[in-house]
Amino acid sequence: MQIPHGNLGRLSRRLSLGVALYGVWLGAAALQSGCGDDAAESTTGKRVTLHTRLELAEIAQAPFTNGFDWQIQLKEVELSVGELRYFEGAAIGVLPGAGFERYASAVPAPPPTQANLLQRWLQIPTAQAHPGHYVAGDELGEMLTPSSADLLATPVTLADAQGVTGHYRSGWFSFGAPPTGPAASALNGSVAHVVATVSQNDVSFDVELFASKDDVLDTNGAPTVEGCPFDDGGGSGEALISGDGTRVLTVDPSHWVDQLELTRVTPPTDDRAVEITASDQTLAPLHNAFARGLRQAVAYTFSFIPN
């Protein structure tokens, strides 16, 4: 295929100017990175230490109603926590009325840099967030020490995270498998355990649910929930971290049990909890709904408290 001479000339001039601008940008970046005596400075920001605190969402601290009008009172909730990672990319949201279908949430895009301005000028394609498409962007921090907790006894302190300053917009929550830490015994090899009293009309009984690592694997085969939201309290969908502080992970188990349609459960004749398992043909859909709920990004919200 031949390129018209006029178009070839314009393309050549655009590429030449682009190369020149890129050279200027590289020089400026090198000069900027060479300035300052602080060993903690890097091209991505200043290093920070982020303490980690685990909390139970306020809605789950009292009886709540799930998506099938069952009132639920949590009696036991244990969770195995693995790695936590923090990213610049916008979080995943759940579109109201769309069940468990995920969409990239409408939060502000990262501010432009010399690199992406040049990329736009040269008309170089870049990955965009489309419905169902999560783009994590740069990793800004990580907490790598697994543990476990009784969520009804929170807040509890987890290990510190190391990171850099910047705009934090999404996080990855990983289930620790096998469980370790204070709640490992109650988890009994699972990654999540719930006992709850469920009520509707004049019917009331207890249910017990466990989830294994296999129940929470993502499409890459990892027990990870990507695209978890950040909340600064103002609805911006991000946290600007400019120094040390505390990263708070708020877990909301109401999302875990939101899609439990419990009319298929035969209420027991005594006070024992009904164990909902995948091996029971009648109750397997409830177990699967619990597993889907555990994989919802909105069940794990991050926030930041500066020192």
C-alpha atoms as a PDB file:
ATOM      1  CA  MET A   1       0.000   0.000   0.000  1.00  0.00           C
ATOM      2  CA  GLN A   2       1.394   3.411  -0.999  1.00  0.00           C
ATOM      3  CA  ILE A   3       1.034   6.455   1.236  1.00  0.00           C
ATOM      4  CA  PRO A   4       0.205   9.708  -0.628  1.00  0.00           C
ATOM      5  CA  HIS A   5       3.175  12.044  -0.713  1.00  0.00           C
ATOM      6  CA  GLY A   6       1.331  14.822   1.175  1.00  0.00           C
ATOM      7  CA  ASN A   7       0.256  12.495   3.965  1.00  0.00           C
ATOM      8  CA  LEU A   8       3.751  11.032   4.175  1.00  0.00           C
ATOM      9  CA  GLY A   9       5.195  14.496   4.618  1.00  0.00           C
ATOM     10  CA  ARG A  10       2.751  15.396   7.377  1.00  0.00           C
ATOM     11  CA  LEU A  11       3.425  12.082   9.135  1.00  0.00           C
ATOM     12  CA  SER A  12       7.177  12.633   8.893  1.00  0.00           C
ATOM     13  CA  ARG A  13       6.900  16.150  10.368  1.00  0.00           C
ATOM     14  CA  ARG A  14       4.615  14.896  13.169  1.00  0.00           C
ATOM     15  CA  LEU A  15       7.019  12.100  14.072  1.00  0.00           C
ATOM     16  CA  SER A  16      10.024  14.415  13.948  1.00  0.00           C
ATOM     17  CA  LEU A  17       8.362  16.943  16.231  1.00  0.00           C
ATOM     18  CA  GLY A  18       7.159  14.123  18.467  1.00  0.00           C
ATOM     19  CA  VAL A  19      10.705  12.776  18.815  1.00  0.00           C
ATOM     20  CA  ALA A  20      11.961  16.257  19.607  1.00  0.00           C
ATOM     21  CA  LEU A  21       9.284  16.827  22.245  1.00  0.00           C
ATOM     22  CA  TYR A  22       9.975  13.416  23.726  1.00  0.00           C
ATOM     23  CA  GLY A  23      13.645  14.309  23.999  1.00  0.00           C
ATOM     24  CA  VAL A  24      12.744  17.533  25.801  1.00  0.00           C
ATOM     25  CA  TRP A  25      10.436  15.629  28.143  1.00  0.00           C
ATOM     26  CA  LEU A  26      13.119  13.024  28.901  1.00  0.00           C
ATOM     27  CA  GLY A  27      15.581  15.770  29.704  1.00  0.00           C
ATOM     28  CA  ALA A  28      13.122  17.496  32.018  1.00  0.00           C
ATOM     29  CA  ALA A  29      12.274  14.226  33.717  1.00  0.00           C
ATOM     30  CA  ALA A  30      15.934  13.410  34.227  1.00  0.00           C
ATOM     31  CA  LEU A  31      16.574  16.871  35.658  1.00  0.00           C
ATOM     32  CA  GLN A  32      13.587  16.570  37.981  1.00  0.00           C
ATOM     33  CA  SER A  33      14.609  13.116  39.219  1.00  0.00           C
ATOM     34  CA  GLY A  34      18.126  14.351  39.851  1.00  0.00           C
ATOM     35  CA  CYS A  35      17.002  17.215  42.061  1.00  0.00           C
ATOM     36  CA  GLY A  36      16.677  16.891  45.815  1.00  0.00           C
ATOM     37  CA  ASP A  37      18.669  15.019  48.401  1.00  0.00           C
ATOM     38  CA  ASP A  38      15.845  12.970  49.929  1.00  0.00           C
ATOM     39  CA  ALA A  39      16.679   9.288  49.379  1.00  0.00           C
ATOM     40  CA  ALA A  40      13.012   8.447  49.813  1.00  0.00           C
ATOM     41  CA  GLU A  41      12.023  10.328  46.634  1.00  0.00           C
ATOM     42  CA  SER A  42      11.357   8.359  43.455  1.00  0.00           C
ATOM     43  CA  THR A  43       9.814   8.949  40.025  1.00  0.00           C
ATOM     44  CA  THR A  44       6.473   7.780  41.408  1.00  0.00           C
ATOM     45  CA  GLY A  45       6.447   9.818  44.609  1.00  0.00           C
ATOM     46  CA  LYS A  46       7.668   9.929  48.170  1.00  0.00           C
ATOM     47  CA  ARG A  47       7.716   6.700  50.137  1.00  0.00           C
ATOM     48  CA  VAL A  48       5.100   6.389  52.868  1.00  0.00           C
ATOM     49  CA  THR A  49       4.183   3.887  55.576  1.00  0.00           C
ATOM     50  CA  LEU A  50       0.491   3.052  55.771  1.00  0.00           C
ATOM     51  CA  HIS A  51      -0.819   1.387  58.912  1.00  0.00           C
ATOM     52  CA  THR A  52      -3.688  -1.015  58.208  1.00  0.00           C
ATOM     53  CA  ARG A  53      -6.942  -1.240  60.141  1.00  0.00           C
ATOM     54  CA  LEU A  54      -9.820  -3.632  59.506  1.00  0.00           C
ATOM     55  CA  GLU A  55     -13.396  -2.599  60.325  1.00  0.00           C
ATOM     56  CA  LEU A  56     -16.937  -3.924  59.924  1.00  0.00           C
ATOM     57  CA  ALA A  57     -19.317  -1.747  57.893  1.00  0.00           C
ATOM     58  CA  GLU A  58     -21.890   0.063  60.013  1.00  0.00           C
ATOM     59  CA  ILE A  59     -24.836  -1.426  58.101  1.00  0.00           C
ATOM     60  CA  ALA A  60     -23.759  -4.938  59.118  1.00  0.00           C
ATOM     61  CA  GLN A  61     -23.539  -4.112  62.825  1.00  0.00           C
ATOM     62  CA  ALA A  62     -27.338  -4.249  63.182  1.00  0.00           C
ATOM     63  CA  PRO A  63     -30.067  -6.322  61.498  1.00  0.00           C
ATOM     64  CA  PHE A  64     -30.382  -5.521  57.774  1.00  0.00           C
ATOM     65  CA  THR A  65     -32.608  -6.683  54.917  1.00  0.00           C
ATOM     66  CA  ASN A  66     -31.144  -8.472  51.912  1.00  0.00           C
ATOM     67  CA  GLY A  67     -32.280  -8.399  48.284  1.00  0.00           C
ATOM     68  CA  PHE A  68     -34.991 -11.003  48.904  1.00  0.00           C
ATOM     69  CA  ASP A  69     -36.504  -9.244  51.930  1.00  0.00           C
ATOM     70  CA  TRP A  70     -34.958 -11.514  54.522  1.00  0.00           C
ATOM     71  CA  GLN A  71     -33.876  -9.761  57.705  1.00  0.00           C
ATOM     72  CA  ILE A  72     -30.390 -10.862  58.662  1.00  0.00           C
ATOM     73  CA  GLN A  73     -28.608 -10.523  61.992  1.00  0.00           C
ATOM     74  CA  LEU A  74     -24.955 -11.552  61.920  1.00  0.00           C
ATOM     75  CA  LYS A  75     -23.875 -13.742  64.840  1.00  0.00           C
ATOM     76  CA  GLU A  76     -20.400 -14.835  63.680  1.00  0.00           C
ATOM     77  CA  VAL A  77     -18.252 -13.448  60.868  1.00  0.00           C
ATOM     78  CA  GLU A  78     -14.655 -14.527  60.311  1.00  0.00           C
ATOM     79  CA  LEU A  79     -12.514 -13.518  57.345  1.00  0.00           C
ATOM     80  CA  SER A  80      -9.076 -14.611  56.149  1.00  0.00           C
ATOM     81  CA  VAL A  81      -7.143 -11.628  54.792  1.00  0.00           C
ATOM     82  CA  GLY A  82      -4.284 -12.016  52.331  1.00  0.00           C
ATOM     83  CA  GLU A  83      -2.409  -9.345  50.382  1.00  0.00           C
ATOM     84  CA  LEU A  84      -3.841  -5.856  49.949  1.00  0.00           C
ATOM     85  CA  ARG A  85      -2.689  -3.799  46.962  1.00  0.00           C
ATOM     86  CA  TYR A  86      -3.486  -0.207  46.043  1.00  0.00           C
ATOM     87  CA  PHE A  87      -3.683   1.290  42.554  1.00  0.00           C
ATOM     88  CA  GLU A  88      -4.123   4.539  40.649  1.00  0.00           C
ATOM     89  CA  GLY A  89      -6.870   3.237  38.347  1.00  0.00           C
ATOM     90  CA  ALA A  90     -10.572   3.922  38.937  1.00  0.00           C
ATOM     91  CA  ALA A  91     -12.514   1.389  40.994  1.00  0.00           C
ATOM     92  CA  ILE A  92     -15.175  -1.044  39.835  1.00  0.00           C
ATOM     93  CA  GLY A  93     -18.775  -0.204  40.650  1.00  0.00           C
ATOM     94  CA  VAL A  94     -21.987  -2.211  40.597  1.00  0.00           C
ATOM     95  CA  LEU A  95     -24.680  -0.692  38.405  1.00  0.00           C
ATOM     96  CA  PRO A  96     -27.983  -0.536  40.344  1.00  0.00           C
ATOM     97  CA  GLY A  97     -30.390  -3.212  39.165  1.00  0.00           C
ATOM     98  CA  ALA A  98     -27.713  -5.121  37.272  1.00  0.00           C
ATOM     99  CA  GLY A  99     -27.244  -7.893  39.825  1.00  0.00           C
ATOM    100  CA  PHE A 100     -23.598  -8.880  39.927  1.00  0.00           C
ATOM    101  CA  GLU A 101     -22.559  -7.330  36.614  1.00  0.00           C
ATOM    102  CA  ARG A 102     -19.600  -5.009  37.138  1.00  0.00           C
ATOM    103  CA  TYR A 103     -18.800  -1.694  35.525  1.00  0.00           C
ATOM    104  CA  ALA A 104     -15.908   0.713  35.806  1.00  0.00           C
ATOM    105  CA  SER A 105     -17.103   3.418  38.162  1.00  0.00           C
ATOM    106  CA  ALA A 106     -17.364   7.021  37.037  1.00  0.00           C
ATOM    107  CA  VAL A 107     -14.602   8.611  39.071  1.00  0.00           C
ATOM    108  CA  PRO A 108     -12.246  11.345  37.841  1.00  0.00           C
ATOM    109  CA  ALA A 109      -9.388  10.271  35.611  1.00  0.00           C
ATOM    110  CA  PRO A 110      -5.797  10.710  36.833  1.00  0.00           C
ATOM    111  CA  PRO A 111      -4.347  14.172  36.130  1.00  0.00           C
ATOM    112  CA  PRO A 112      -2.428  14.388  32.829  1.00  0.00           C
ATOM    113  CA  THR A 113       1.341  13.898  32.844  1.00  0.00           C
ATOM    114  CA  GLN A 114       4.020  14.824  30.321  1.00  0.00           C
ATOM    115  CA  ALA A 115       3.999  11.211  29.130  1.00  0.00           C
ATOM    116  CA  ASN A 116       0.277  10.852  28.431  1.00  0.00           C
ATOM    117  CA  LEU A 117       0.002  14.362  26.954  1.00  0.00           C
ATOM    118  CA  LEU A 118       2.692  13.394  24.464  1.00  0.00           C
ATOM    119  CA  GLN A 119       0.901  10.107  23.877  1.00  0.00           C
ATOM    120  CA  ARG A 120      -2.326  11.938  23.053  1.00  0.00           C
ATOM    121  CA  TRP A 121      -0.557  14.396  20.723  1.00  0.00           C
ATOM    122  CA  LEU A 122       1.019  11.519  18.788  1.00  0.00           C
ATOM    123  CA  GLN A 123      -2.380   9.769  18.703  1.00  0.00           C
ATOM    124  CA  ILE A 124      -0.975   6.606  20.324  1.00  0.00           C
ATOM    125  CA  PRO A 125      -3.811   4.317  21.504  1.00  0.00           C
ATOM    126  CA  THR A 126      -4.167   3.746  25.237  1.00  0.00           C
ATOM    127  CA  ALA A 127      -6.303   1.398  27.334  1.00  0.00           C
ATOM    128  CA  GLN A 128      -9.602   2.916  28.423  1.00  0.00           C
ATOM    129  CA  ALA A 129     -12.121   1.756  31.036  1.00  0.00           C
ATOM    130  CA  HIS A 130     -15.228   0.447  29.303  1.00  0.00           C
ATOM    131  CA  PRO A 131     -18.221  -1.278  30.906  1.00  0.00           C
ATOM    132  CA  GLY A 132     -16.914  -4.441  32.570  1.00  0.00           C
ATOM    133  CA  HIS A 133     -13.299  -3.404  31.896  1.00  0.00           C
ATOM    134  CA  TYR A 134     -11.148  -2.544  34.916  1.00  0.00           C
ATOM    135  CA  VAL A 135      -7.772  -0.858  34.369  1.00  0.00           C
ATOM    136  CA  ALA A 136      -5.686  -0.932  37.555  1.00  0.00           C
ATOM    137  CA  GLY A 137      -2.996   1.508  36.437  1.00  0.00           C
ATOM    138  CA  ASP A 138       0.138   2.021  38.516  1.00  0.00           C
ATOM    139  CA  GLU A 139       0.503   0.120  41.793  1.00  0.00           C
ATOM    140  CA  LEU A 140       1.047   2.613  44.614  1.00  0.00           C
ATOM    141  CA  GLY A 141       1.248   0.428  47.720  1.00  0.00           C
ATOM    142  CA  GLU A 142       0.962  -3.070  49.167  1.00  0.00           C
ATOM    143  CA  MET A 143       0.388  -4.948  52.416  1.00  0.00           C
ATOM    144  CA  LEU A 144       1.795  -8.461  52.128  1.00  0.00           C
ATOM    145  CA  THR A 145       1.296 -10.085  55.556  1.00  0.00           C
ATOM    146  CA  PRO A 146      -1.699 -12.465  55.773  1.00  0.00           C
ATOM    147  CA  SER A 147      -3.913 -12.638  58.848  1.00  0.00           C
ATOM    148  CA  SER A 148      -7.514 -13.288  59.860  1.00  0.00           C
ATOM    149  CA  ALA A 149     -10.104 -11.608  62.039  1.00  0.00           C
ATOM    150  CA  ASP A 150     -13.429 -11.906  63.782  1.00  0.00           C
ATOM    151  CA  LEU A 151     -15.233  -9.026  62.076  1.00  0.00           C
ATOM    152  CA  LEU A 152     -17.669  -8.646  64.968  1.00  0.00           C
ATOM    153  CA  ALA A 153     -14.675  -7.827  67.190  1.00  0.00           C
ATOM    154  CA  THR A 154     -13.242  -5.140  64.924  1.00  0.00           C
ATOM    155  CA  PRO A 155     -11.525  -2.762  64.584  1.00  0.00           C
ATOM    156  CA  VAL A 156      -8.351  -4.813  64.473  1.00  0.00           C
ATOM    157  CA  THR A 157      -4.868  -3.855  63.350  1.00  0.00           C
ATOM    158  CA  LEU A 158      -3.170  -5.629  60.459  1.00  0.00           C
ATOM    159  CA  ALA A 159       0.405  -5.290  59.215  1.00  0.00           C
ATOM    160  CA  ASP A 160       1.731  -2.018  57.806  1.00  0.00           C
ATOM    161  CA  ALA A 161       1.743  -1.360  54.076  1.00  0.00           C
ATOM    162  CA  GLN A 162       4.518   0.317  52.130  1.00  0.00           C
ATOM    163  CA  GLY A 163       3.627   2.753  49.388  1.00  0.00           C
ATOM    164  CA  VAL A 164       4.265   6.049  47.664  1.00  0.00           C
ATOM    165  CA  THR A 165       2.392   9.334  47.622  1.00  0.00           C
ATOM    166  CA  GLY A 166      -0.264   9.789  44.975  1.00  0.00           C
ATOM    167  CA  HIS A 167      -3.941   9.472  44.085  1.00  0.00           C
ATOM    168  CA  TYR A 168      -5.232   6.118  45.323  1.00  0.00           C
ATOM    169  CA  ARG A 169      -8.409   5.105  43.453  1.00  0.00           C
ATOM    170  CA  SER A 170      -8.797   1.329  43.763  1.00  0.00           C
ATOM    171  CA  GLY A 171      -7.548  -1.632  45.727  1.00  0.00           C
ATOM    172  CA  TRP A 172      -7.181  -5.382  45.437  1.00  0.00           C
ATOM    173  CA  PHE A 173      -8.401  -7.531  48.305  1.00  0.00           C
ATOM    174  CA  SER A 174      -6.997 -11.068  48.504  1.00  0.00           C
ATOM    175  CA  PHE A 175      -8.317 -13.895  50.643  1.00  0.00           C
ATOM    176  CA  GLY A 176      -5.614 -15.602  52.693  1.00  0.00           C
ATOM    177  CA  ALA A 177      -5.446 -19.318  51.914  1.00  0.00           C
ATOM    178  CA  PRO A 178      -4.845 -21.257  54.023  1.00  0.00           C
ATOM    179  CA  PRO A 179      -6.029 -18.986  56.835  1.00  0.00           C
ATOM    180  CA  THR A 180      -3.577 -17.839  59.465  1.00  0.00           C
ATOM    181  CA  GLY A 181      -3.835 -15.560  62.462  1.00  0.00           C
ATOM    182  CA  PRO A 182      -6.355 -15.090  65.295  1.00  0.00           C
ATOM    183  CA  ALA A 183      -9.453 -16.440  63.507  1.00  0.00           C
ATOM    184  CA  ALA A 184      -7.805 -19.376  61.727  1.00  0.00           C
ATOM    185  CA  SER A 185      -9.326 -21.935  64.098  1.00  0.00           C
ATOM    186  CA  ALA A 186     -12.886 -20.668  63.578  1.00  0.00           C
ATOM    187  CA  LEU A 187     -12.353 -20.567  59.809  1.00  0.00           C
ATOM    188  CA  ASN A 188     -11.338 -24.239  59.856  1.00  0.00           C
ATOM    189  CA  GLY A 189      -9.528 -24.059  56.513  1.00  0.00           C
ATOM    190  CA  SER A 190     -12.043 -21.760  54.812  1.00  0.00           C
ATOM    191  CA  VAL A 191     -11.521 -18.132  53.787  1.00  0.00           C
ATOM    192  CA  ALA A 192     -14.853 -16.820  55.102  1.00  0.00           C
ATOM    193  CA  HIS A 193     -17.386 -18.039  57.664  1.00  0.00           C
ATOM    194  CA  VAL A 194     -20.777 -16.605  58.592  1.00  0.00           C
ATOM    195  CA  VAL A 195     -23.432 -17.596  61.100  1.00  0.00           C
ATOM    196  CA  ALA A 196     -26.596 -15.487  60.984  1.00  0.00           C
ATOM    197  CA  THR A 197     -30.167 -15.434  62.177  1.00  0.00           C
ATOM    198  CA  VAL A 198     -32.508 -14.969  59.212  1.00  0.00           C
ATOM    199  CA  SER A 199     -36.147 -13.918  59.543  1.00  0.00           C
ATOM    200  CA  GLN A 200     -39.110 -13.324  57.252  1.00  0.00           C
ATOM    201  CA  ASN A 201     -42.714 -12.988  58.387  1.00  0.00           C
ATOM    202  CA  ASP A 202     -43.109 -15.532  61.207  1.00  0.00           C
ATOM    203  CA  VAL A 203     -40.181 -17.723  60.129  1.00  0.00           C
ATOM    204  CA  SER A 204     -36.807 -17.426  61.874  1.00  0.00           C
ATOM    205  CA  PHE A 205     -33.802 -19.740  61.997  1.00  0.00           C
ATOM    206  CA  ASP A 206     -29.991 -19.717  61.896  1.00  0.00           C
ATOM    207  CA  VAL A 207     -27.833 -20.461  58.859  1.00  0.00           C
ATOM    208  CA  GLU A 208     -24.116 -21.186  58.618  1.00  0.00           C
ATOM    209  CA  LEU A 209     -22.003 -20.620  55.517  1.00  0.00           C
ATOM    210  CA  PHE A 210     -18.376 -21.394  54.682  1.00  0.00           C
ATOM    211  CA  ALA A 211     -16.412 -20.437  51.568  1.00  0.00           C
ATOM    212  CA  SER A 212     -13.221 -22.120  50.410  1.00  0.00           C
ATOM    213  CA  LYS A 213     -10.401 -20.710  48.319  1.00  0.00           C
ATOM    214  CA  ASP A 214     -11.896 -22.376  45.231  1.00  0.00           C
ATOM    215  CA  ASP A 215     -15.142 -20.468  45.792  1.00  0.00           C
ATOM    216  CA  VAL A 216     -13.449 -17.064  45.463  1.00  0.00           C
ATOM    217  CA  LEU A 217     -10.998 -17.555  42.583  1.00  0.00           C
ATOM    218  CA  ASP A 218     -10.991 -14.899  39.874  1.00  0.00           C
ATOM    219  CA  THR A 219     -10.579 -15.509  36.143  1.00  0.00           C
ATOM    220  CA  ASN A 220      -6.805 -15.766  36.642  1.00  0.00           C
ATOM    221  CA  GLY A 221      -7.182 -18.452  39.287  1.00  0.00           C
ATOM    222  CA  ALA A 222      -6.251 -16.153  42.184  1.00  0.00           C
ATOM    223  CA  PRO A 223      -8.343 -15.591  45.354  1.00  0.00           C
ATOM    224  CA  THR A 224      -8.425 -11.870  44.642  1.00  0.00           C
ATOM    225  CA  VAL A 225     -11.128  -9.221  44.304  1.00  0.00           C
ATOM    226  CA  GLU A 226      -9.931  -6.414  42.022  1.00  0.00           C
ATOM    227  CA  GLY A 227     -11.202  -2.860  41.678  1.00  0.00           C
ATOM    228  CA  CYS A 228     -12.330  -2.292  45.260  1.00  0.00           C
ATOM    229  CA  PRO A 229     -13.373   1.344  45.829  1.00  0.00           C
ATOM    230  CA  PHE A 230     -11.742   4.121  47.805  1.00  0.00           C
ATOM    231  CA  ASP A 231     -13.904   6.459  49.865  1.00  0.00           C
ATOM    232  CA  ASP A 232     -12.707   9.824  51.122  1.00  0.00           C
ATOM    233  CA  GLY A 233     -16.091  10.637  52.622  1.00  0.00           C
ATOM    234  CA  GLY A 234     -16.794  13.195  49.907  1.00  0.00           C
ATOM    235  CA  GLY A 235     -17.711  10.949  47.001  1.00  0.00           C
ATOM    236  CA  SER A 236     -14.588  11.669  44.953  1.00  0.00           C
ATOM    237  CA  GLY A 237     -13.707   7.988  44.589  1.00  0.00           C
ATOM    238  CA  GLU A 238     -10.095   8.548  45.551  1.00  0.00           C
ATOM    239  CA  ALA A 239      -7.754   9.333  48.411  1.00  0.00           C
ATOM    240  CA  LEU A 240      -4.861  11.740  47.938  1.00  0.00           C
ATOM    241  CA  ILE A 241      -2.035  10.403  50.089  1.00  0.00           C
ATOM    242  CA  SER A 242       0.785  12.855  50.705  1.00  0.00           C
ATOM    243  CA  GLY A 243       2.312  11.316  53.845  1.00  0.00           C
ATOM    244  CA  ASP A 244       2.134   8.526  56.398  1.00  0.00           C
ATOM    245  CA  GLY A 245      -1.226   7.505  57.820  1.00  0.00           C
ATOM    246  CA  THR A 246      -3.686   4.661  58.315  1.00  0.00           C
ATOM    247  CA  ARG A 247      -5.358   2.743  55.535  1.00  0.00           C
ATOM    248  CA  VAL A 248      -8.770   1.503  56.711  1.00  0.00           C
ATOM    249  CA  LEU A 249     -10.335  -1.548  55.072  1.00  0.00           C
ATOM    250  CA  THR A 250     -14.085  -1.633  55.748  1.00  0.00           C
ATOM    251  CA  VAL A 251     -15.733  -4.976  55.017  1.00  0.00           C
ATOM    252  CA  ASP A 252     -19.486  -5.116  54.362  1.00  0.00           C
ATOM    253  CA  PRO A 253     -20.838  -8.692  54.670  1.00  0.00           C
ATOM    254  CA  SER A 254     -24.331  -7.495  53.728  1.00  0.00           C
ATOM    255  CA  HIS A 255     -23.118  -7.799  50.115  1.00  0.00           C
ATOM    256  CA  TRP A 256     -22.039 -11.382  50.767  1.00  0.00           C
ATOM    257  CA  VAL A 257     -25.564 -12.476  51.705  1.00  0.00           C
ATOM    258  CA  ASP A 258     -27.612 -10.037  49.632  1.00  0.00           C
ATOM    259  CA  GLN A 259     -28.716 -12.646  47.084  1.00  0.00           C
ATOM    260  CA  LEU A 260     -29.663 -15.438  49.494  1.00  0.00           C
ATOM    261  CA  GLU A 261     -33.210 -16.544  48.628  1.00  0.00           C
ATOM    262  CA  LEU A 262     -33.825 -18.528  51.801  1.00  0.00           C
ATOM    263  CA  THR A 263     -37.325 -19.803  51.058  1.00  0.00           C
ATOM    264  CA  ARG A 264     -35.710 -22.975  49.713  1.00  0.00           C
ATOM    265  CA  VAL A 265     -34.409 -23.770  53.220  1.00  0.00           C
ATOM    266  CA  THR A 266     -36.502 -26.075  55.386  1.00  0.00           C
ATOM    267  CA  PRO A 267     -36.459 -24.494  58.869  1.00  0.00           C
ATOM    268  CA  PRO A 268     -35.022 -26.844  61.508  1.00  0.00           C
ATOM    269  CA  THR A 269     -37.132 -28.196  64.343  1.00  0.00           C
ATOM    270  CA  ASP A 270     -34.469 -27.291  66.912  1.00  0.00           C
ATOM    271  CA  ASP A 271     -32.045 -24.401  67.456  1.00  0.00           C
ATOM    272  CA  ARG A 272     -29.240 -25.811  65.315  1.00  0.00           C
ATOM    273  CA  ALA A 273     -28.026 -23.721  62.379  1.00  0.00           C
ATOM    274  CA  VAL A 274     -28.750 -24.936  58.857  1.00  0.00           C
ATOM    275  CA  GLU A 275     -25.393 -25.469  57.154  1.00  0.00           C
ATOM    276  CA  ILE A 276     -25.530 -24.259  53.564  1.00  0.00           C
ATOM    277  CA  THR A 277     -23.103 -26.242  51.425  1.00  0.00           C
ATOM    278  CA  ALA A 278     -22.372 -26.806  47.744  1.00  0.00           C
ATOM    279  CA  SER A 279     -22.830 -30.556  48.186  1.00  0.00           C
ATOM    280  CA  ASP A 280     -26.528 -30.199  49.032  1.00  0.00           C
ATOM    281  CA  GLN A 281     -28.437 -30.048  45.738  1.00  0.00           C
ATOM    282  CA  THR A 282     -31.238 -27.969  47.239  1.00  0.00           C
ATOM    283  CA  LEU A 283     -28.981 -25.501  49.040  1.00  0.00           C
ATOM    284  CA  ALA A 284     -26.141 -25.305  46.481  1.00  0.00           C
ATOM    285  CA  PRO A 285     -27.656 -22.202  44.774  1.00  0.00           C
ATOM    286  CA  LEU A 286     -27.475 -20.407  48.133  1.00  0.00           C
ATOM    287  CA  HIS A 287     -23.842 -21.415  48.575  1.00  0.00           C
ATOM    288  CA  ASN A 288     -23.085 -20.141  45.067  1.00  0.00           C
ATOM    289  CA  ALA A 289     -24.861 -16.846  45.798  1.00  0.00           C
ATOM    290  CA  PHE A 290     -22.720 -16.468  48.927  1.00  0.00           C
ATOM    291  CA  ALA A 291     -19.557 -17.125  46.895  1.00  0.00           C
ATOM    292  CA  ARG A 292     -20.585 -14.495  44.317  1.00  0.00           C
ATOM    293  CA  GLY A 293     -21.248 -12.020  47.109  1.00  0.00           C
ATOM    294  CA  LEU A 294     -17.767 -12.577  48.508  1.00  0.00           C
ATOM    295  CA  ARG A 295     -16.322 -11.608  45.120  1.00  0.00           C
ATOM    296  CA  GLN A 296     -18.089  -8.242  44.983  1.00  0.00           C
ATOM    297  CA  ALA A 297     -15.656  -5.319  44.936  1.00  0.00           C
ATOM    298  CA  VAL A 298     -18.108  -3.065  46.804  1.00  0.00           C
ATOM    299  CA  ALA A 299     -17.879  -5.374  49.829  1.00  0.00           C
ATOM    300  CA  TYR A 300     -14.334  -4.099  50.468  1.00  0.00           C
ATOM    301  CA  THR A 301     -13.916  -0.336  50.756  1.00  0.00           C
ATOM    302  CA  PHE A 302     -10.675   1.497  51.498  1.00  0.00           C
ATOM    303  CA  SER A 303     -10.269   4.889  53.135  1.00  0.00           C
ATOM    304  CA  PHE A 304      -7.346   6.884  54.524  1.00  0.00           C
ATOM    305  CA  ILE A 305      -6.674   8.733  57.763  1.00  0.00           C
ATOM    306  CA  PRO A 306      -3.538  10.923  57.671  1.00  0.00           C
ATOM    307  CA  ASN A 307      -1.214  11.060  60.676  1.00  0.00           C
END
